[in-house]
């Protein structure tokens, strides 16, 4: 077949073969539109209205009033600061712990399959179960955290970890780090197993140290996996508030308020869906900017 005949042959493909891919994708597209994009558009539209369920018949268009109120709301900025701290501390900690765990699980040792199965438990447990478990661990009366620290002499008296504004956010960050690091461990372990062993054998023959092998073979080999995992965890951690809600409810005071939790509380507790939707919309825009900047930087780095 000549090059001139190739386009004609493509144009002569049966219509069914052209339509089939779109027909197979259409159910997934329709479901995504129904459960993702339609609620997003509805939330943006609601944010432009004064909609409080105490006045169910009132749905007054107020334009950007809710957004201006949010930007002038002190609790909004407190929640934003906590959200930044929450993401900046949790994601690198999960990545580092997951990387170390993956490197250990990639080494041959007895009961390695069992260890690989057990490491996924924190990720597999429901968030509510994890939150309740860590509430017990942090309890100032009978929690195991205070008991261990008292026994080794690091503290002199029990600390109310979740009731103290100075320690509550850090305690929750530790909880989410423990919950999320298996995701990084599993993803990076899969990337490690895709690196040919011959690379390490050749590096050893050339006299490369383990650190140089890690830096020049392991990290480049799993860089794509790390980029994807960090992006996914950034989105998930940023939108996560279930652990905080169960453990502290955002308290004490506003010590553990994050923007997703604040939007939820405004809509659920105050029944102010217009203002809650405005907070959620602002946070979505901020998160989109972070994701786009991250993709641009990592795209250049990978190239």
Protein backbone atom coordinates (compact mmCIF):
# COMPACT_ATOMS: atom_id res chain seq x y z
CA UNK A 1 0.00 0.00 0.00
CA UNK A 2 1.41 3.38 -1.03
CA UNK A 3 1.40 6.47 1.15
CA UNK A 4 -1.23 8.05 -1.05
CA UNK A 5 -3.56 5.08 -0.54
CA UNK A 6 -3.27 5.16 3.29
CA UNK A 7 -5.51 8.22 3.89
CA UNK A 8 -8.14 6.84 1.52
CA UNK A 9 -8.17 3.56 3.41
CA UNK A 10 -8.59 5.37 6.71
CA UNK A 11 -11.50 7.38 5.31
CA UNK A 12 -13.13 4.16 4.11
CA UNK A 13 -13.27 2.67 7.64
CA UNK A 14 -16.77 1.54 8.60
CA UNK A 15 -18.75 4.10 10.59
CA UNK A 16 -19.25 1.54 13.38
CA UNK A 17 -15.50 1.34 14.01
CA UNK A 18 -15.29 5.14 14.26
CA UNK A 19 -18.26 5.45 16.62
CA UNK A 20 -17.41 2.40 18.77
CA UNK A 21 -14.67 4.03 20.94
CA UNK A 22 -16.92 7.00 21.73
CA UNK A 23 -19.84 4.70 22.48
CA UNK A 24 -17.73 2.67 24.91
CA UNK A 25 -16.42 5.78 26.64
CA UNK A 26 -19.79 7.52 26.88
CA UNK A 27 -21.03 5.71 30.04
CA UNK A 28 -17.92 6.73 31.98
CA UNK A 29 -18.17 10.28 30.64
CA UNK A 30 -21.85 10.53 31.57
CA UNK A 31 -21.22 9.19 35.07
CA UNK A 32 -18.34 11.65 35.54
CA UNK A 33 -20.52 14.51 34.37
CA UNK A 34 -23.32 13.42 36.70
CA UNK A 35 -21.34 12.89 39.89
CA UNK A 36 -18.40 15.30 39.45
CA UNK A 37 -18.95 18.17 37.04
CA UNK A 38 -22.63 18.79 37.68
CA UNK A 39 -22.13 19.12 41.47
CA UNK A 40 -19.14 21.40 40.81
CA UNK A 41 -21.19 23.69 38.58
CA UNK A 42 -24.03 23.58 41.10
CA UNK A 43 -21.65 24.56 43.94
CA UNK A 44 -20.28 27.50 41.94
CA UNK A 45 -23.81 28.64 41.09
CA UNK A 46 -24.84 28.29 44.74
CA UNK A 47 -21.84 30.34 45.87
CA UNK A 48 -23.29 33.30 43.96
CA UNK A 49 -26.50 33.19 46.00
CA UNK A 50 -27.57 33.80 49.56
CA UNK A 51 -28.85 30.31 50.34
CA UNK A 52 -29.41 29.41 54.00
CA UNK A 53 -31.64 26.47 54.84
CA UNK A 54 -33.22 28.44 57.67
CA UNK A 55 -34.86 30.34 54.79
CA UNK A 56 -35.45 27.54 52.26
CA UNK A 57 -37.57 29.67 49.94
CA UNK A 58 -35.00 32.46 49.70
CA UNK A 59 -32.43 32.01 46.95
CA UNK A 60 -31.28 35.55 46.25
CA UNK A 61 -28.51 36.26 43.76
CA UNK A 62 -25.73 38.20 45.53
CA UNK A 63 -22.90 37.90 43.02
CA UNK A 64 -19.47 37.92 44.63
CA UNK A 65 -20.73 38.91 48.08
CA UNK A 66 -19.94 35.51 49.60
CA UNK A 67 -16.42 35.58 48.15
CA UNK A 68 -15.77 39.06 49.55
CA UNK A 69 -17.09 37.94 52.92
CA UNK A 70 -14.77 34.92 52.86
CA UNK A 71 -11.71 37.02 52.04
CA UNK A 72 -12.57 39.31 54.97
CA UNK A 73 -13.22 36.37 57.30
CA UNK A 74 -10.45 35.85 59.87
CA UNK A 75 -11.36 32.17 60.26
CA UNK A 76 -10.93 31.70 56.50
CA UNK A 77 -7.30 32.87 56.70
CA UNK A 78 -6.67 30.81 59.84
CA UNK A 79 -8.03 27.75 58.01
CA UNK A 80 -5.93 28.55 54.94
CA UNK A 81 -2.78 28.76 57.04
CA UNK A 82 -3.56 25.44 58.70
CA UNK A 83 -4.27 23.89 55.30
CA UNK A 84 -0.87 25.00 53.99
CA UNK A 85 0.85 23.62 57.10
CA UNK A 86 -1.20 20.42 56.86
CA UNK A 87 -0.18 19.81 53.24
CA UNK A 88 3.43 21.01 53.54
CA UNK A 89 4.10 18.71 56.50
CA UNK A 90 2.02 15.66 55.67
CA UNK A 91 2.89 15.01 52.02
CA UNK A 92 6.73 15.18 52.35
CA UNK A 93 6.55 13.06 55.53
CA UNK A 94 4.43 10.44 53.76
CA UNK A 95 6.77 10.49 50.76
CA UNK A 96 9.92 10.10 52.84
CA UNK A 97 8.49 7.35 55.02
CA UNK A 98 7.01 5.59 51.99
CA UNK A 99 10.33 5.76 50.12
CA UNK A 100 12.27 4.27 53.03
CA UNK A 101 9.63 1.56 53.47
CA UNK A 102 9.68 0.70 49.76
CA UNK A 103 13.48 0.44 49.75
CA UNK A 104 13.34 -1.93 52.73
CA UNK A 105 10.56 -4.05 51.24
CA UNK A 106 12.52 -4.32 47.99
CA UNK A 107 15.35 -6.11 49.80
CA UNK A 108 15.28 -9.92 50.19
CA UNK A 109 14.50 -11.04 53.75
CA UNK A 110 12.39 -13.75 55.40
CA UNK A 111 8.62 -13.15 55.53
CA UNK A 112 8.86 -10.39 52.95
CA UNK A 113 5.46 -11.22 51.36
CA UNK A 114 3.84 -10.99 54.79
CA UNK A 115 5.51 -7.64 55.47
CA UNK A 116 4.29 -6.30 52.14
CA UNK A 117 0.75 -7.37 52.99
CA UNK A 118 0.81 -5.89 56.50
CA UNK A 119 2.21 -2.53 55.42
CA UNK A 120 -0.97 -1.75 53.49
CA UNK A 121 -3.21 -2.01 56.59
CA UNK A 122 -3.13 1.72 57.53
CA UNK A 123 -4.15 2.62 53.99
CA UNK A 124 -6.89 -0.01 53.87
CA UNK A 125 -8.57 0.92 57.16
CA UNK A 126 -11.50 3.39 57.02
CA UNK A 127 -10.63 6.92 58.06
CA UNK A 128 -13.17 6.86 60.88
CA UNK A 129 -11.58 3.74 62.38
CA UNK A 130 -8.12 5.32 62.15
CA UNK A 131 -9.35 8.55 63.73
CA UNK A 132 -11.00 6.76 66.65
CA UNK A 133 -7.93 4.59 67.15
CA UNK A 134 -5.61 7.59 67.33
CA UNK A 135 -8.00 9.45 69.63
CA UNK A 136 -7.46 6.56 72.04
CA UNK A 137 -3.68 6.65 71.49
CA UNK A 138 -3.57 10.38 72.28
CA UNK A 139 -5.91 10.22 75.28
CA UNK A 140 -4.34 11.99 78.26
CA UNK A 141 -5.74 9.51 80.80
CA UNK A 142 -5.16 6.06 79.30
CA UNK A 143 -3.56 6.70 75.91
CA UNK A 144 -0.50 4.68 74.95
CA UNK A 145 1.37 7.74 73.59
CA UNK A 146 1.58 9.43 76.98
CA UNK A 147 2.30 6.11 78.69
CA UNK A 148 5.33 5.40 76.49
CA UNK A 149 6.68 8.95 76.71
CA UNK A 150 6.31 8.94 80.51
CA UNK A 151 8.09 5.60 80.81
CA UNK A 152 11.10 6.74 78.78
CA UNK A 153 11.21 10.06 80.62
CA UNK A 154 10.61 12.37 77.65
CA UNK A 155 7.69 14.06 79.42
CA UNK A 156 6.97 14.59 83.11
CA UNK A 157 3.17 14.58 82.94
CA UNK A 158 0.51 13.51 80.50
CA UNK A 159 -0.15 15.88 77.61
CA UNK A 160 -3.69 16.43 76.25
CA UNK A 161 -2.52 16.19 72.66
CA UNK A 162 -5.86 16.87 70.99
CA UNK A 163 -7.11 19.36 73.58
CA UNK A 164 -4.02 21.58 73.43
CA UNK A 165 -4.05 24.16 70.58
CA UNK A 166 -0.25 23.94 70.36
CA UNK A 167 -0.17 20.17 69.72
CA UNK A 168 -3.54 19.31 68.15
CA UNK A 169 -2.59 20.03 64.53
CA UNK A 170 0.76 18.26 64.83
CA UNK A 171 -0.96 15.22 66.34
CA UNK A 172 -3.39 15.02 63.42
CA UNK A 173 -0.55 15.47 60.90
CA UNK A 174 1.19 12.47 62.49
CA UNK A 175 -2.05 10.48 62.23
CA UNK A 176 -2.52 11.22 58.53
CA UNK A 177 1.16 10.54 57.84
CA UNK A 178 0.74 7.08 59.33
CA UNK A 179 -2.43 6.52 57.33
CA UNK A 180 -1.07 7.67 53.96
CA UNK A 181 2.55 6.49 53.77
CA UNK A 182 1.60 2.95 52.57
CA UNK A 183 0.26 4.51 49.36
CA UNK A 184 3.71 5.92 48.58
CA UNK A 185 5.36 2.69 49.69
CA UNK A 186 3.28 0.53 47.33
CA UNK A 187 3.63 2.93 44.39
CA UNK A 188 7.39 3.33 44.80
CA UNK A 189 7.88 -0.40 45.37
CA UNK A 190 6.19 -1.07 42.03
CA UNK A 191 8.55 1.43 40.42
CA UNK A 192 11.60 -0.16 42.06
CA UNK A 193 10.68 -3.58 40.71
CA UNK A 194 10.58 -2.20 37.18
CA UNK A 195 14.26 -1.14 37.32
CA UNK A 196 16.45 -3.84 35.70
CA UNK A 197 18.92 -5.46 38.10
CA UNK A 198 21.58 -5.25 35.40
CA UNK A 199 21.83 -1.49 36.03
CA UNK A 200 22.94 -2.09 39.62
CA UNK A 201 25.28 -4.91 38.61
CA UNK A 202 26.98 -2.68 36.05
CA UNK A 203 27.25 0.16 38.58
CA UNK A 204 28.78 -2.19 41.16
CA UNK A 205 31.36 -3.39 38.64
CA UNK A 206 32.24 0.26 37.93
CA UNK A 207 32.76 0.83 41.66
CA UNK A 208 29.69 2.98 42.34
CA UNK A 209 28.79 3.25 46.03
CA UNK A 210 25.27 2.38 47.25
CA UNK A 211 24.53 6.10 47.63
CA UNK A 212 25.57 6.84 44.03
CA UNK A 213 23.50 3.90 42.82
CA UNK A 214 20.51 5.28 44.71
CA UNK A 215 21.04 8.79 43.38
CA UNK A 216 21.75 7.90 39.73
CA UNK A 217 19.70 4.73 39.23
CA UNK A 218 16.97 4.36 41.84
CA UNK A 219 15.69 7.92 42.00
CA UNK A 220 15.56 8.46 38.21
CA UNK A 221 13.90 5.06 37.89
CA UNK A 222 11.04 5.93 40.25
CA UNK A 223 10.82 9.67 39.50
CA UNK A 224 7.75 9.24 37.30
CA UNK A 225 5.99 7.21 39.98
CA UNK A 226 6.87 9.78 42.64
CA UNK A 227 5.54 12.65 40.50
CA UNK A 228 2.21 10.87 40.02
CA UNK A 229 1.96 9.77 43.66
CA UNK A 230 2.71 13.25 45.01
CA UNK A 231 0.12 14.78 42.69
CA UNK A 232 -2.57 12.32 43.77
CA UNK A 233 -1.76 12.66 47.47
CA UNK A 234 -1.71 16.46 47.19
CA UNK A 235 -5.27 16.41 45.89
CA UNK A 236 -6.45 13.80 48.41
CA UNK A 237 -4.79 15.35 51.45
CA UNK A 238 -5.96 18.82 50.51
CA UNK A 239 -9.58 17.65 50.33
CA UNK A 240 -9.41 15.36 53.33
CA UNK A 241 -11.18 16.47 56.48
CA UNK A 242 -12.80 13.28 57.80
CA UNK A 243 -9.92 12.43 60.15
CA UNK A 244 -9.87 15.98 61.56
CA UNK A 245 -13.64 16.06 61.92
CA UNK A 246 -13.75 12.81 63.90
CA UNK A 247 -10.69 13.55 66.07
CA UNK A 248 -11.23 17.22 66.97
CA UNK A 249 -14.12 18.63 64.97
CA UNK A 250 -11.80 21.51 64.04
CA UNK A 251 -10.97 22.42 67.64
CA UNK A 252 -9.85 23.27 70.15
CA UNK A 253 -11.10 26.65 69.01
CA UNK A 254 -9.91 26.94 65.43
CA UNK A 255 -6.60 25.12 66.05
CA UNK A 256 -7.30 22.34 63.52
CA UNK A 257 -9.58 24.15 61.09
CA UNK A 258 -8.74 23.59 57.42
CA UNK A 259 -10.57 25.08 54.45
CA UNK A 260 -12.43 21.90 53.44
CA UNK A 261 -13.51 21.39 57.05
CA UNK A 262 -14.54 25.05 57.40
CA UNK A 263 -16.65 24.85 54.24
CA UNK A 264 -18.26 21.65 55.52
CA UNK A 265 -19.00 23.16 58.93
CA UNK A 266 -20.53 26.27 57.38
CA UNK A 267 -22.78 24.19 55.15
CA UNK A 268 -23.59 21.42 57.63
CA UNK A 269 -23.71 23.19 61.00
CA UNK A 270 -24.72 26.70 60.00
CA UNK A 271 -26.74 25.48 57.00
CA UNK A 272 -25.25 28.37 55.01
CA UNK A 273 -24.75 26.61 51.69
CA UNK A 274 -24.03 29.81 49.79
CA UNK A 275 -21.11 30.81 51.99
CA UNK A 276 -19.86 27.23 52.34
CA UNK A 277 -19.91 26.83 48.55
CA UNK A 278 -17.93 30.07 48.15
CA UNK A 279 -15.22 28.79 50.50
CA UNK A 280 -15.11 25.47 48.65
CA UNK A 281 -14.89 27.25 45.28
CA UNK A 282 -12.04 29.48 46.43
CA UNK A 283 -10.16 26.49 47.76
CA UNK A 284 -10.70 24.58 44.51
CA UNK A 285 -9.23 27.46 42.52
CA UNK A 286 -6.21 27.62 44.84
CA UNK A 287 -5.69 23.87 44.54
CA UNK A 288 -5.93 24.05 40.75
CA UNK A 289 -3.19 26.70 40.69
CA UNK A 290 -0.96 24.51 42.91
CA UNK A 291 -1.55 21.46 40.71
CA UNK A 292 -0.83 23.36 37.49
CA UNK A 293 2.38 24.86 38.89
CA UNK A 294 3.44 21.43 40.12
CA UNK A 295 2.77 19.83 36.73
CA UNK A 296 4.73 22.54 34.93
CA UNK A 297 7.75 22.21 37.21
CA UNK A 298 7.76 18.42 37.25
CA UNK A 299 7.19 18.30 33.50
CA UNK A 300 10.31 20.38 32.92
CA UNK A 301 12.25 18.33 35.45
CA UNK A 302 11.29 15.02 33.85
CA UNK A 303 12.18 16.29 30.38
